Amino acid sequence: MERDFFEPAAIDLLAEASQGNPRTLNLLAQSAWLAAARGTATTIHPDHIHSALPQVPAANAKNTNP
């Protein structure tokens, strides 16, 4: 069975915040995944990305505030 773990808006936010840097994207996605797991979510939402931004200093949070 195949399913999406990231909402499309969350993927867009990851791309914007990481500015295309693979390492930053990976760290941000991992932090968002942990945030989702703490809330027992099964899908990564933009709110999870927002909560992960402070955990990844390299992420560009300039234009990604809710």
PDB file of N, CA and C in Angstrom:
ATOM      1  N   MET A   1       0.840  -1.165   0.000  1.00  0.00           N
ATOM      2  CA  MET A   1       0.000   0.000   0.000  1.00  0.00           C
ATOM      3  C   MET A   1       0.897   1.245   0.000  1.00  0.00           C
ATOM      4  N   GLU A   2       0.556   2.156  -0.837  1.00  0.00           N
ATOM      5  CA  GLU A   2       1.313   3.403  -0.945  1.00  0.00           C
ATOM      6  C   GLU A   2       0.456   4.553  -0.435  1.00  0.00           C
ATOM      7  N   ARG A   3       1.085   5.440   0.381  1.00  0.00           N
ATOM      8  CA  ARG A   3       0.344   6.596   0.862  1.00  0.00           C
ATOM      9  C   ARG A   3       1.307   7.758   1.069  1.00  0.00           C
ATOM     10  N   ASP A   4       0.756   8.943   1.071  1.00  0.00           N
ATOM     11  CA  ASP A   4       1.558  10.142   1.281  1.00  0.00           C
ATOM     12  C   ASP A   4       1.653  10.425   2.772  1.00  0.00           C
ATOM     13  N   PHE A   5       2.872  10.698   3.232  1.00  0.00           N
ATOM     14  CA  PHE A   5       3.076  11.018   4.636  1.00  0.00           C
ATOM     15  C   PHE A   5       3.126  12.522   4.877  1.00  0.00           C
ATOM     16  N   PHE A   6       3.360  13.282   3.822  1.00  0.00           N
ATOM     17  CA  PHE A   6       3.428  14.739   3.914  1.00  0.00           C
ATOM     18  C   PHE A   6       2.277  15.342   3.116  1.00  0.00           C
ATOM     19  N   GLU A   7       1.575  16.285   3.719  1.00  0.00           N
ATOM     20  CA  GLU A   7       0.564  17.032   2.967  1.00  0.00           C
ATOM     21  C   GLU A   7       1.291  17.880   1.922  1.00  0.00           C
ATOM     22  N   PRO A   8       0.668  18.145   0.771  1.00  0.00           N
ATOM     23  CA  PRO A   8       1.323  18.968  -0.255  1.00  0.00           C
ATOM     24  C   PRO A   8       1.785  20.332   0.270  1.00  0.00           C
ATOM     25  N   ALA A   9       0.995  20.963   1.114  1.00  0.00           N
ATOM     26  CA  ALA A   9       1.397  22.263   1.667  1.00  0.00           C
ATOM     27  C   ALA A   9       2.631  22.126   2.551  1.00  0.00           C
ATOM     28  N   ALA A  10       2.760  21.008   3.251  1.00  0.00           N
ATOM     29  CA  ALA A  10       3.934  20.764   4.087  1.00  0.00           C
ATOM     30  C   ALA A  10       5.176  20.573   3.217  1.00  0.00           C
ATOM     31  N   ILE A  11       5.029  19.909   2.102  1.00  0.00           N
ATOM     32  CA  ILE A  11       6.152  19.718   1.177  1.00  0.00           C
ATOM     33  C   ILE A  11       6.609  21.068   0.630  1.00  0.00           C
ATOM     34  N   ASP A  12       5.663  21.902   0.250  1.00  0.00           N
ATOM     35  CA  ASP A  12       6.007  23.242  -0.250  1.00  0.00           C
ATOM     36  C   ASP A  12       6.753  24.043   0.813  1.00  0.00           C
ATOM     37  N   LEU A  13       6.291  23.957   2.035  1.00  0.00           N
ATOM     38  CA  LEU A  13       6.923  24.675   3.133  1.00  0.00           C
ATOM     39  C   LEU A  13       8.328  24.146   3.404  1.00  0.00           C
ATOM     40  N   LEU A  14       8.512  22.837   3.327  1.00  0.00           N
ATOM     41  CA  LEU A  14       9.845  22.242   3.485  1.00  0.00           C
ATOM     42  C   LEU A  14      10.800  22.764   2.424  1.00  0.00           C
ATOM     43  N   ALA A  15      10.344  22.787   1.193  1.00  0.00           N
ATOM     44  CA  ALA A  15      11.192  23.262   0.095  1.00  0.00           C
ATOM     45  C   ALA A  15      11.571  24.724   0.287  1.00  0.00           C
ATOM     46  N   GLU A  16      10.610  25.536   0.688  1.00  0.00           N
ATOM     47  CA  GLU A  16      10.868  26.957   0.887  1.00  0.00           C
ATOM     48  C   GLU A  16      11.837  27.185   2.053  1.00  0.00           C
ATOM     49  N   ALA A  17      11.589  26.524   3.157  1.00  0.00           N
ATOM     50  CA  ALA A  17      12.396  26.737   4.359  1.00  0.00           C
ATOM     51  C   ALA A  17      13.814  26.211   4.208  1.00  0.00           C
ATOM     52  N   SER A  18      13.997  25.140   3.443  1.00  0.00           N
ATOM     53  CA  SER A  18      15.332  24.554   3.279  1.00  0.00           C
ATOM     54  C   SER A  18      16.129  25.232   2.172  1.00  0.00           C
ATOM     55  N   GLN A  19      15.480  26.020   1.352  1.00  0.00           N
ATOM     56  CA  GLN A  19      16.100  26.707   0.221  1.00  0.00           C
ATOM     57  C   GLN A  19      16.882  25.736  -0.673  1.00  0.00           C
ATOM     58  N   GLY A  20      16.379  24.512  -0.787  1.00  0.00           N
ATOM     59  CA  GLY A  20      16.992  23.524  -1.664  1.00  0.00           C
ATOM     60  C   GLY A  20      18.203  22.823  -1.092  1.00  0.00           C
ATOM     61  N   ASN A  21      18.578  23.114   0.137  1.00  0.00           N
ATOM     62  CA  ASN A  21      19.726  22.460   0.760  1.00  0.00           C
ATOM     63  C   ASN A  21      19.277  21.090   1.272  1.00  0.00           C
ATOM     64  N   PRO A  22      19.833  19.999   0.724  1.00  0.00           N
ATOM     65  CA  PRO A  22      19.371  18.664   1.110  1.00  0.00           C
ATOM     66  C   PRO A  22      19.541  18.361   2.599  1.00  0.00           C
ATOM     67  N   ARG A  23      20.643  18.795   3.186  1.00  0.00           N
ATOM     68  CA  ARG A  23      20.885  18.525   4.609  1.00  0.00           C
ATOM     69  C   ARG A  23      19.856  19.253   5.467  1.00  0.00           C
ATOM     70  N   THR A  24      19.594  20.510   5.158  1.00  0.00           N
ATOM     71  CA  THR A  24      18.602  21.277   5.912  1.00  0.00           C
ATOM     72  C   THR A  24      17.219  20.672   5.736  1.00  0.00           C
ATOM     73  N   LEU A  25      16.882  20.280   4.526  1.00  0.00           N
ATOM     74  CA  LEU A  25      15.584  19.661   4.261  1.00  0.00           C
ATOM     75  C   LEU A  25      15.432  18.386   5.084  1.00  0.00           C
ATOM     76  N   ASN A  26      16.484  17.572   5.125  1.00  0.00           N
ATOM     77  CA  ASN A  26      16.438  16.328   5.877  1.00  0.00           C
ATOM     78  C   ASN A  26      16.241  16.591   7.368  1.00  0.00           C
ATOM     79  N   LEU A  27      17.008  17.522   7.920  1.00  0.00           N
ATOM     80  CA  LEU A  27      16.882  17.840   9.347  1.00  0.00           C
ATOM     81  C   LEU A  27      15.500  18.399   9.677  1.00  0.00           C
ATOM     82  N   LEU A  28      15.003  19.249   8.819  1.00  0.00           N
ATOM     83  CA  LEU A  28      13.687  19.846   9.034  1.00  0.00           C
ATOM     84  C   LEU A  28      12.586  18.796   8.934  1.00  0.00           C
ATOM     85  N   ALA A  29      12.675  17.924   7.946  1.00  0.00           N
ATOM     86  CA  ALA A  29      11.676  16.864   7.788  1.00  0.00           C
ATOM     87  C   ALA A  29      11.700  15.914   8.981  1.00  0.00           C
ATOM     88  N   GLN A  30      12.901  15.586   9.448  1.00  0.00           N
ATOM     89  CA  GLN A  30      13.017  14.695  10.602  1.00  0.00           C
ATOM     90  C   GLN A  30      12.415  15.335  11.858  1.00  0.00           C
ATOM     91  N   SER A  31      12.702  16.595  12.068  1.00  0.00           N
ATOM     92  CA  SER A  31      12.151  17.300  13.224  1.00  0.00           C
ATOM     93  C   SER A  31      10.628  17.398  13.130  1.00  0.00           C
ATOM     94  N   ALA A  32      10.122  17.647  11.941  1.00  0.00           N
ATOM     95  CA  ALA A  32       8.664  17.710  11.743  1.00  0.00           C
ATOM     96  C   ALA A  32       8.026  16.344  11.982  1.00  0.00           C
ATOM     97  N   TRP A  33       8.713  15.296  11.556  1.00  0.00           N
ATOM     98  CA  TRP A  33       8.207  13.941  11.751  1.00  0.00           C
ATOM     99  C   TRP A  33       8.092  13.645  13.247  1.00  0.00           C
ATOM    100  N   LEU A  34       9.107  14.049  14.014  1.00  0.00           N
ATOM    101  CA  LEU A  34       9.067  13.855  15.461  1.00  0.00           C
ATOM    102  C   LEU A  34       7.937  14.665  16.106  1.00  0.00           C
ATOM    103  N   ALA A  35       7.738  15.883  15.626  1.00  0.00           N
ATOM    104  CA  ALA A  35       6.645  16.712  16.140  1.00  0.00           C
ATOM    105  C   ALA A  35       5.300  16.042  15.870  1.00  0.00           C
ATOM    106  N   ALA A  36       5.159  15.472  14.699  1.00  0.00           N
ATOM    107  CA  ALA A  36       3.907  14.784  14.350  1.00  0.00           C
ATOM    108  C   ALA A  36       3.720  13.548  15.228  1.00  0.00           C
ATOM    109  N   ALA A  37       4.791  12.820  15.457  1.00  0.00           N
ATOM    110  CA  ALA A  37       4.704  11.603  16.261  1.00  0.00           C
ATOM    111  C   ALA A  37       4.330  11.917  17.708  1.00  0.00           C
ATOM    112  N   ARG A  38       4.858  13.014  18.232  1.00  0.00           N
ATOM    113  CA  ARG A  38       4.495  13.401  19.597  1.00  0.00           C
ATOM    114  C   ARG A  38       2.999  13.663  19.710  1.00  0.00           C
ATOM    115  N   GLY A  39       2.411  14.148  18.646  1.00  0.00           N
ATOM    116  CA  GLY A  39       0.969  14.404  18.637  1.00  0.00           C
ATOM    117  C   GLY A  39       0.167  13.247  18.088  1.00  0.00           C
ATOM    118  N   THR A  40       0.810  12.129  17.845  1.00  0.00           N
ATOM    119  CA  THR A  40       0.213  10.900  17.291  1.00  0.00           C
ATOM    120  C   THR A  40      -0.435  11.102  15.916  1.00  0.00           C
ATOM    121  N   ALA A  41       0.050  12.085  15.176  1.00  0.00           N
ATOM    122  CA  ALA A  41      -0.449  12.302  13.810  1.00  0.00           C
ATOM    123  C   ALA A  41       0.173  11.264  12.880  1.00  0.00           C
ATOM    124  N   THR A  42      -0.532  10.911  11.845  1.00  0.00           N
ATOM    125  CA  THR A  42      -0.007   9.957  10.861  1.00  0.00           C
ATOM    126  C   THR A  42       0.397  10.650   9.563  1.00  0.00           C
ATOM    127  N   THR A  43       0.150  11.942   9.485  1.00  0.00           N
ATOM    128  CA  THR A  43       0.510  12.740   8.317  1.00  0.00           C
ATOM    129  C   THR A  43       1.174  14.020   8.797  1.00  0.00           C
ATOM    130  N   ILE A  44       2.218  14.450   8.085  1.00  0.00           N
ATOM    131  CA  ILE A  44       2.917  15.685   8.428  1.00  0.00           C
ATOM    132  C   ILE A  44       2.138  16.855   7.839  1.00  0.00           C
ATOM    133  N   HIS A  45       1.755  17.791   8.695  1.00  0.00           N
ATOM    134  CA  HIS A  45       1.006  18.970   8.304  1.00  0.00           C
ATOM    135  C   HIS A  45       1.923  20.198   8.350  1.00  0.00           C
ATOM    136  N   PRO A  46       1.536  21.295   7.733  1.00  0.00           N
ATOM    137  CA  PRO A  46       2.353  22.513   7.810  1.00  0.00           C
ATOM    138  C   PRO A  46       2.638  22.953   9.248  1.00  0.00           C
ATOM    139  N   ASP A  47       1.696  22.722  10.164  1.00  0.00           N
ATOM    140  CA  ASP A  47       1.930  23.086  11.565  1.00  0.00           C
ATOM    141  C   ASP A  47       3.137  22.344  12.138  1.00  0.00           C
ATOM    142  N   HIS A  48       3.342  21.112  11.703  1.00  0.00           N
ATOM    143  CA  HIS A  48       4.499  20.349  12.170  1.00  0.00           C
ATOM    144  C   HIS A  48       5.799  20.962  11.638  1.00  0.00           C
ATOM    145  N   ILE A  49       5.752  21.460  10.417  1.00  0.00           N
ATOM    146  CA  ILE A  49       6.936  22.116   9.843  1.00  0.00           C
ATOM    147  C   ILE A  49       7.227  23.389  10.627  1.00  0.00           C
ATOM    148  N   HIS A  50       6.193  24.157  10.905  1.00  0.00           N
ATOM    149  CA  HIS A  50       6.372  25.398  11.670  1.00  0.00           C
ATOM    150  C   HIS A  50       6.973  25.116  13.049  1.00  0.00           C
ATOM    151  N   SER A  51       6.521  24.060  13.692  1.00  0.00           N
ATOM    152  CA  SER A  51       7.070  23.747  15.011  1.00  0.00           C
ATOM    153  C   SER A  51       8.498  23.232  14.923  1.00  0.00           C
ATOM    154  N   ALA A  52       8.897  22.726  13.769  1.00  0.00           N
ATOM    155  CA  ALA A  52      10.256  22.212  13.580  1.00  0.00           C
ATOM    156  C   ALA A  52      11.253  23.317  13.227  1.00  0.00           C
ATOM    157  N   LEU A  53      10.788  24.418  12.696  1.00  0.00           N
ATOM    158  CA  LEU A  53      11.695  25.488  12.248  1.00  0.00           C
ATOM    159  C   LEU A  53      12.676  25.958  13.323  1.00  0.00           C
ATOM    160  N   PRO A  54      12.248  26.184  14.558  1.00  0.00           N
ATOM    161  CA  PRO A  54      13.217  26.634  15.572  1.00  0.00           C
ATOM    162  C   PRO A  54      14.282  25.585  15.894  1.00  0.00           C
ATOM    163  N   GLN A  55      13.995  24.327  15.592  1.00  0.00           N
ATOM    164  CA  GLN A  55      14.940  23.247  15.879  1.00  0.00           C
ATOM    165  C   GLN A  55      16.063  23.158  14.848  1.00  0.00           C
ATOM    166  N   VAL A  56      15.866  23.803  13.704  1.00  0.00           N
ATOM    167  CA  VAL A  56      16.839  23.734  12.612  1.00  0.00           C
ATOM    168  C   VAL A  56      17.264  25.158  12.241  1.00  0.00           C
ATOM    169  N   PRO A  57      18.340  25.635  12.862  1.00  0.00           N
ATOM    170  CA  PRO A  57      18.757  27.024  12.634  1.00  0.00           C
ATOM    171  C   PRO A  57      19.031  27.372  11.169  1.00  0.00           C
ATOM    172  N   ALA A  58      19.443  26.382  10.385  1.00  0.00           N
ATOM    173  CA  ALA A  58      19.762  26.651   8.990  1.00  0.00           C
ATOM    174  C   ALA A  58      18.515  26.863   8.131  1.00  0.00           C
ATOM    175  N   ALA A  59      17.361  26.492   8.666  1.00  0.00           N
ATOM    176  CA  ALA A  59      16.113  26.646   7.901  1.00  0.00           C
ATOM    177  C   ALA A  59      15.761  28.135   7.793  1.00  0.00           C
ATOM    178  N   ASN A  60      15.283  28.514   6.647  1.00  0.00           N
ATOM    179  CA  ASN A  60      14.903  29.895   6.408  1.00  0.00           C
ATOM    180  C   ASN A  60      13.494  30.113   6.913  1.00  0.00           C
ATOM    181  N   ALA A  61      13.362  30.731   8.061  1.00  0.00           N
ATOM    182  CA  ALA A  61      12.044  30.951   8.662  1.00  0.00           C
ATOM    183  C   ALA A  61      11.490  32.319   8.339  1.00  0.00           C
ATOM    184  N   LYS A  62      12.189  33.087   7.488  1.00  0.00           N
ATOM    185  CA  LYS A  62      11.770  34.462   7.199  1.00  0.00           C
ATOM    186  C   LYS A  62      10.327  34.567   6.745  1.00  0.00           C
ATOM    187  N   ASN A  63       9.974  33.853   5.703  1.00  0.00           N
ATOM    188  CA  ASN A  63       8.637  33.988   5.125  1.00  0.00           C
ATOM    189  C   ASN A  63       7.783  32.757   5.380  1.00  0.00           C
ATOM    190  N   THR A  64       8.085  32.001   6.434  1.00  0.00           N
ATOM    191  CA  THR A  64       7.333  30.784   6.669  1.00  0.00           C
ATOM    192  C   THR A  64       6.561  30.816   7.970  1.00  0.00           C
ATOM    193  N   ASN A  65       6.420  31.978   8.590  1.00  0.00           N
ATOM    194  CA  ASN A  65       5.640  32.078   9.814  1.00  0.00           C
ATOM    195  C   ASN A  65       4.160  31.965   9.492  1.00  0.00           C
ATOM    196  N   PRO A  66       3.396  31.281  10.391  1.00  0.00           N
ATOM    197  CA  PRO A  66       1.958  31.107  10.118  1.00  0.00           C
ATOM    198  C   PRO A  66       1.194  32.403  10.166  1.00  0.00           C
TER     199      PRO A  66
END
